[in-house]
Amino acid sequence: MKLALSENLTALAKGCPFPLYVVGGFVRDALAGLDASDVDICAPADTDEFVKVAENCGAKINAVYKNTGTVKLKFGAEAYEFTCFRSDEYVRGAHRPVKICFSTPAAATSSATRCITISGRSAFATRSAGLPT
C-alpha cells in the first residue's frame, strides 16, 4: 500500500541526507481510510540540520524549539511539524515532559532499523514518490 504525499514533502524527503519519517495521526488516519491532513515528520537529525535542509527545499520556518527538538514549517499552505528522534518522560496526568533525551544519529538510525513506532504508527518517507507501508 502506498500513501500519497504532497510534492513538497516528497521533495523534502529527497533533499534530506538522513531518513525522514511521516508519523502519528497522518499514518493512522490514512491506514484507516480517513482524511489524513495533520502531517508530523521526524528524523535522526537535530533542529539545525533539519532547518538547513528544509530551507534549501523551499520551506518557510515558522518556529524552532530547541528544547523539544521541534520545528514548525510550511510550504505555502501545507503545514508540518518536525521533531528529532527523542524519548520523553512524563509525570502522570501531565502533558509536558519533565525530561527529554535526544537520540544520537547512530542510535536513532539503529532504532529506525528496528521499526520505530511513534504515536502508534510510523512510515518511512522514501526518496521516491509515495509512502510504502
C-alpha atoms as a PDB file:
ATOM      1  CA  MET A   1       0.000   0.000   0.000  1.00  0.00           C
ATOM      2  CA  LYS A   2       1.245   3.497  -0.822  1.00  0.00           C
ATOM      3  CA  LEU A   3       0.069   6.635   0.904  1.00  0.00           C
ATOM      4  CA  ALA A   4       0.016   9.825  -1.148  1.00  0.00           C
ATOM      5  CA  LEU A   5       2.415  12.548  -0.045  1.00  0.00           C
ATOM      6  CA  SER A   6       2.472  16.098  -1.340  1.00  0.00           C
ATOM      7  CA  GLU A   7       5.095  17.048  -3.908  1.00  0.00           C
ATOM      8  CA  ASN A   8       6.677  19.353  -1.319  1.00  0.00           C
ATOM      9  CA  LEU A   9       7.028  16.603   1.289  1.00  0.00           C
ATOM     10  CA  THR A  10       8.396  14.207  -1.315  1.00  0.00           C
ATOM     11  CA  ALA A  11      10.953  16.839  -2.393  1.00  0.00           C
ATOM     12  CA  LEU A  12      11.916  17.375   1.251  1.00  0.00           C
ATOM     13  CA  ALA A  13      12.456  13.627   1.727  1.00  0.00           C
ATOM     14  CA  LYS A  14      14.586  13.526  -1.426  1.00  0.00           C
ATOM     15  CA  GLY A  15      16.613  16.510  -0.208  1.00  0.00           C
ATOM     16  CA  CYS A  16      17.389  15.027   3.209  1.00  0.00           C
ATOM     17  CA  PRO A  17      20.783  13.358   3.704  1.00  0.00           C
ATOM     18  CA  PHE A  18      19.093  11.380   6.528  1.00  0.00           C
ATOM     19  CA  PRO A  19      15.949   9.211   6.593  1.00  0.00           C
ATOM     20  CA  LEU A  20      12.714  11.150   7.041  1.00  0.00           C
ATOM     21  CA  TYR A  21       9.656   9.556   8.642  1.00  0.00           C
ATOM     22  CA  VAL A  22       5.986  10.509   8.482  1.00  0.00           C
ATOM     23  CA  VAL A  23       4.485   9.647  11.872  1.00  0.00           C
ATOM     24  CA  GLY A  24       1.464   9.774  14.117  1.00  0.00           C
ATOM     25  CA  GLY A  25      -2.078  10.675  13.192  1.00  0.00           C
ATOM     26  CA  PHE A  26      -1.440  11.069   9.455  1.00  0.00           C
ATOM     27  CA  VAL A  27      -0.317   7.463   9.129  1.00  0.00           C
ATOM     28  CA  ARG A  28      -3.047   6.158  11.459  1.00  0.00           C
ATOM     29  CA  ASP A  29      -5.822   8.055   9.659  1.00  0.00           C
ATOM     30  CA  ALA A  30      -4.587   7.182   6.174  1.00  0.00           C
ATOM     31  CA  LEU A  31      -4.408   3.478   7.037  1.00  0.00           C
ATOM     32  CA  ALA A  32      -7.938   3.689   8.458  1.00  0.00           C
ATOM     33  CA  GLY A  33      -9.185   5.308   5.232  1.00  0.00           C
ATOM     34  CA  LEU A  34      -9.887   8.624   6.960  1.00  0.00           C
ATOM     35  CA  ASP A  35      -8.940  12.138   5.839  1.00  0.00           C
ATOM     36  CA  ALA A  36      -5.262  12.397   6.737  1.00  0.00           C
ATOM     37  CA  SER A  37      -4.211  16.021   6.887  1.00  0.00           C
ATOM     38  CA  ASP A  38      -2.146  16.573  10.072  1.00  0.00           C
ATOM     39  CA  VAL A  39       1.366  15.583   8.980  1.00  0.00           C
ATOM     40  CA  ASP A  40       4.107  15.145  11.564  1.00  0.00           C
ATOM     41  CA  ILE A  41       7.619  14.177  10.494  1.00  0.00           C
ATOM     42  CA  CYS A  42      10.765  13.094  12.312  1.00  0.00           C
ATOM     43  CA  ALA A  43      14.347  12.151  11.560  1.00  0.00           C
ATOM     44  CA  PRO A  44      17.681  11.312  13.191  1.00  0.00           C
ATOM     45  CA  ALA A  45      18.778  14.945  12.835  1.00  0.00           C
ATOM     46  CA  ASP A  46      18.844  17.904  15.183  1.00  0.00           C
ATOM     47  CA  THR A  47      16.865  21.087  14.588  1.00  0.00           C
ATOM     48  CA  ASP A  48      19.788  22.950  12.995  1.00  0.00           C
ATOM     49  CA  GLU A  49      20.450  20.156  10.489  1.00  0.00           C
ATOM     50  CA  PHE A  50      16.778  19.872   9.617  1.00  0.00           C
ATOM     51  CA  VAL A  51      16.235  23.637   9.229  1.00  0.00           C
ATOM     52  CA  LYS A  52      19.106  23.885   6.712  1.00  0.00           C
ATOM     53  CA  VAL A  53      17.668  21.096   4.582  1.00  0.00           C
ATOM     54  CA  ALA A  54      14.077  22.353   4.835  1.00  0.00           C
ATOM     55  CA  GLU A  55      15.038  25.907   3.851  1.00  0.00           C
ATOM     56  CA  ASN A  56      17.070  24.582   0.911  1.00  0.00           C
ATOM     57  CA  CYS A  57      13.913  22.743  -0.208  1.00  0.00           C
ATOM     58  CA  GLY A  58      11.855  25.943  -0.062  1.00  0.00           C
ATOM     59  CA  ALA A  59      10.180  25.638   3.346  1.00  0.00           C
ATOM     60  CA  LYS A  60       9.366  28.669   5.455  1.00  0.00           C
ATOM     61  CA  ILE A  61      10.416  28.042   9.054  1.00  0.00           C
ATOM     62  CA  ASN A  62       7.790  29.412  11.449  1.00  0.00           C
ATOM     63  CA  ALA A  63       9.303  28.328  14.777  1.00  0.00           C
ATOM     64  CA  VAL A  64      12.229  26.353  16.201  1.00  0.00           C
ATOM     65  CA  TYR A  65      12.013  24.907  19.721  1.00  0.00           C
ATOM     66  CA  LYS A  66      15.456  23.526  20.507  1.00  0.00           C
ATOM     67  CA  ASN A  67      14.404  22.426  23.999  1.00  0.00           C
ATOM     68  CA  THR A  68      11.978  19.895  22.474  1.00  0.00           C
ATOM     69  CA  GLY A  69      13.759  19.386  19.138  1.00  0.00           C
ATOM     70  CA  THR A  70      10.724  20.679  17.243  1.00  0.00           C
ATOM     71  CA  VAL A  71      10.450  22.771  14.072  1.00  0.00           C
ATOM     72  CA  LYS A  72       7.201  24.167  12.650  1.00  0.00           C
ATOM     73  CA  LEU A  73       7.410  24.747   8.907  1.00  0.00           C
ATOM     74  CA  LYS A  74       5.272  25.465   5.873  1.00  0.00           C
ATOM     75  CA  PHE A  75       5.371  25.004   2.155  1.00  0.00           C
ATOM     76  CA  GLY A  76       2.736  27.558   1.155  1.00  0.00           C
ATOM     77  CA  ALA A  77      -0.482  26.399   2.836  1.00  0.00           C
ATOM     78  CA  GLU A  78       0.956  22.972   3.778  1.00  0.00           C
ATOM     79  CA  ALA A  79       1.963  22.962   7.457  1.00  0.00           C
ATOM     80  CA  TYR A  80       4.245  20.364   9.041  1.00  0.00           C
ATOM     81  CA  GLU A  81       5.764  19.744  12.448  1.00  0.00           C
ATOM     82  CA  PHE A  82       9.198  18.131  12.636  1.00  0.00           C
ATOM     83  CA  THR A  83      10.651  16.559  15.759  1.00  0.00           C
ATOM     84  CA  CYS A  84      14.060  14.962  16.060  1.00  0.00           C
ATOM     85  CA  PHE A  85      14.300  11.446  17.491  1.00  0.00           C
ATOM     86  CA  ARG A  86      13.913  11.623  21.255  1.00  0.00           C
ATOM     87  CA  SER A  87      12.408   9.941  24.276  1.00  0.00           C
ATOM     88  CA  ASP A  88      10.268  11.784  26.814  1.00  0.00           C
ATOM     89  CA  GLU A  89       9.435  11.227  30.469  1.00  0.00           C
ATOM     90  CA  TYR A  90       6.103  12.431  31.824  1.00  0.00           C
ATOM     91  CA  VAL A  91       4.526  12.752  35.237  1.00  0.00           C
ATOM     92  CA  ARG A  92       1.133  11.047  35.376  1.00  0.00           C
ATOM     93  CA  GLY A  93      -1.582  13.435  34.179  1.00  0.00           C
ATOM     94  CA  ALA A  94       0.874  15.995  32.782  1.00  0.00           C
ATOM     95  CA  HIS A  95       1.048  16.945  29.106  1.00  0.00           C
ATOM     96  CA  ARG A  96       4.532  18.466  29.233  1.00  0.00           C
ATOM     97  CA  PRO A  97       7.561  16.178  29.503  1.00  0.00           C
ATOM     98  CA  VAL A  98       9.682  16.500  32.635  1.00  0.00           C
ATOM     99  CA  LYS A  99      12.720  15.092  30.822  1.00  0.00           C
ATOM    100  CA  ILE A 100      13.676  14.881  27.146  1.00  0.00           C
ATOM    101  CA  CYS A 101      16.576  12.757  25.921  1.00  0.00           C
ATOM    102  CA  PHE A 102      17.685  13.249  22.331  1.00  0.00           C
ATOM    103  CA  SER A 103      18.975  10.265  20.373  1.00  0.00           C
ATOM    104  CA  THR A 104      22.350  10.411  18.727  1.00  0.00           C
ATOM    105  CA  PRO A 105      22.226   9.946  14.940  1.00  0.00           C
ATOM    106  CA  ALA A 106      23.812   6.488  15.281  1.00  0.00           C
ATOM    107  CA  ALA A 107      21.353   5.387  17.979  1.00  0.00           C
ATOM    108  CA  ALA A 108      18.434   6.874  16.068  1.00  0.00           C
ATOM    109  CA  THR A 109      19.388   5.093  12.860  1.00  0.00           C
ATOM    110  CA  SER A 110      19.749   1.846  14.797  1.00  0.00           C
ATOM    111  CA  SER A 111      16.289   2.366  16.306  1.00  0.00           C
ATOM    112  CA  ALA A 112      14.817   3.086  12.881  1.00  0.00           C
ATOM    113  CA  THR A 113      16.077  -0.209  11.503  1.00  0.00           C
ATOM    114  CA  ARG A 114      14.161  -1.978  14.280  1.00  0.00           C
ATOM    115  CA  CYS A 115      10.876  -0.445  13.002  1.00  0.00           C
ATOM    116  CA  ILE A 116      10.419   2.710  15.043  1.00  0.00           C
ATOM    117  CA  THR A 117       6.904   3.340  16.346  1.00  0.00           C
ATOM    118  CA  ILE A 118       5.772   6.853  17.226  1.00  0.00           C
ATOM    119  CA  SER A 119       2.243   7.582  18.370  1.00  0.00           C
ATOM    120  CA  GLY A 120       1.404   4.015  17.467  1.00  0.00           C
ATOM    121  CA  ARG A 121       2.213   4.308  13.754  1.00  0.00           C
ATOM    122  CA  SER A 122       5.088   5.416  11.556  1.00  0.00           C
ATOM    123  CA  ALA A 123       6.173   5.058   7.973  1.00  0.00           C
ATOM    124  CA  PHE A 124       9.351   5.797   6.076  1.00  0.00           C
ATOM    125  CA  ALA A 125       9.172   8.648   3.566  1.00  0.00           C
ATOM    126  CA  THR A 126      11.262   7.281   0.749  1.00  0.00           C
ATOM    127  CA  ARG A 127      13.186   9.235  -1.824  1.00  0.00           C
ATOM    128  CA  SER A 128      10.629   8.103  -4.398  1.00  0.00           C
ATOM    129  CA  ALA A 129       7.057   9.313  -4.599  1.00  0.00           C
ATOM    130  CA  GLY A 130       4.629   7.724  -2.200  1.00  0.00           C
ATOM    131  CA  LEU A 131       4.963   6.066   1.132  1.00  0.00           C
ATOM    132  CA  PRO A 132       5.346   2.301   1.443  1.00  0.00           C
ATOM    133  CA  THR A 133       3.686   0.669   4.435  1.00  0.00           C
END
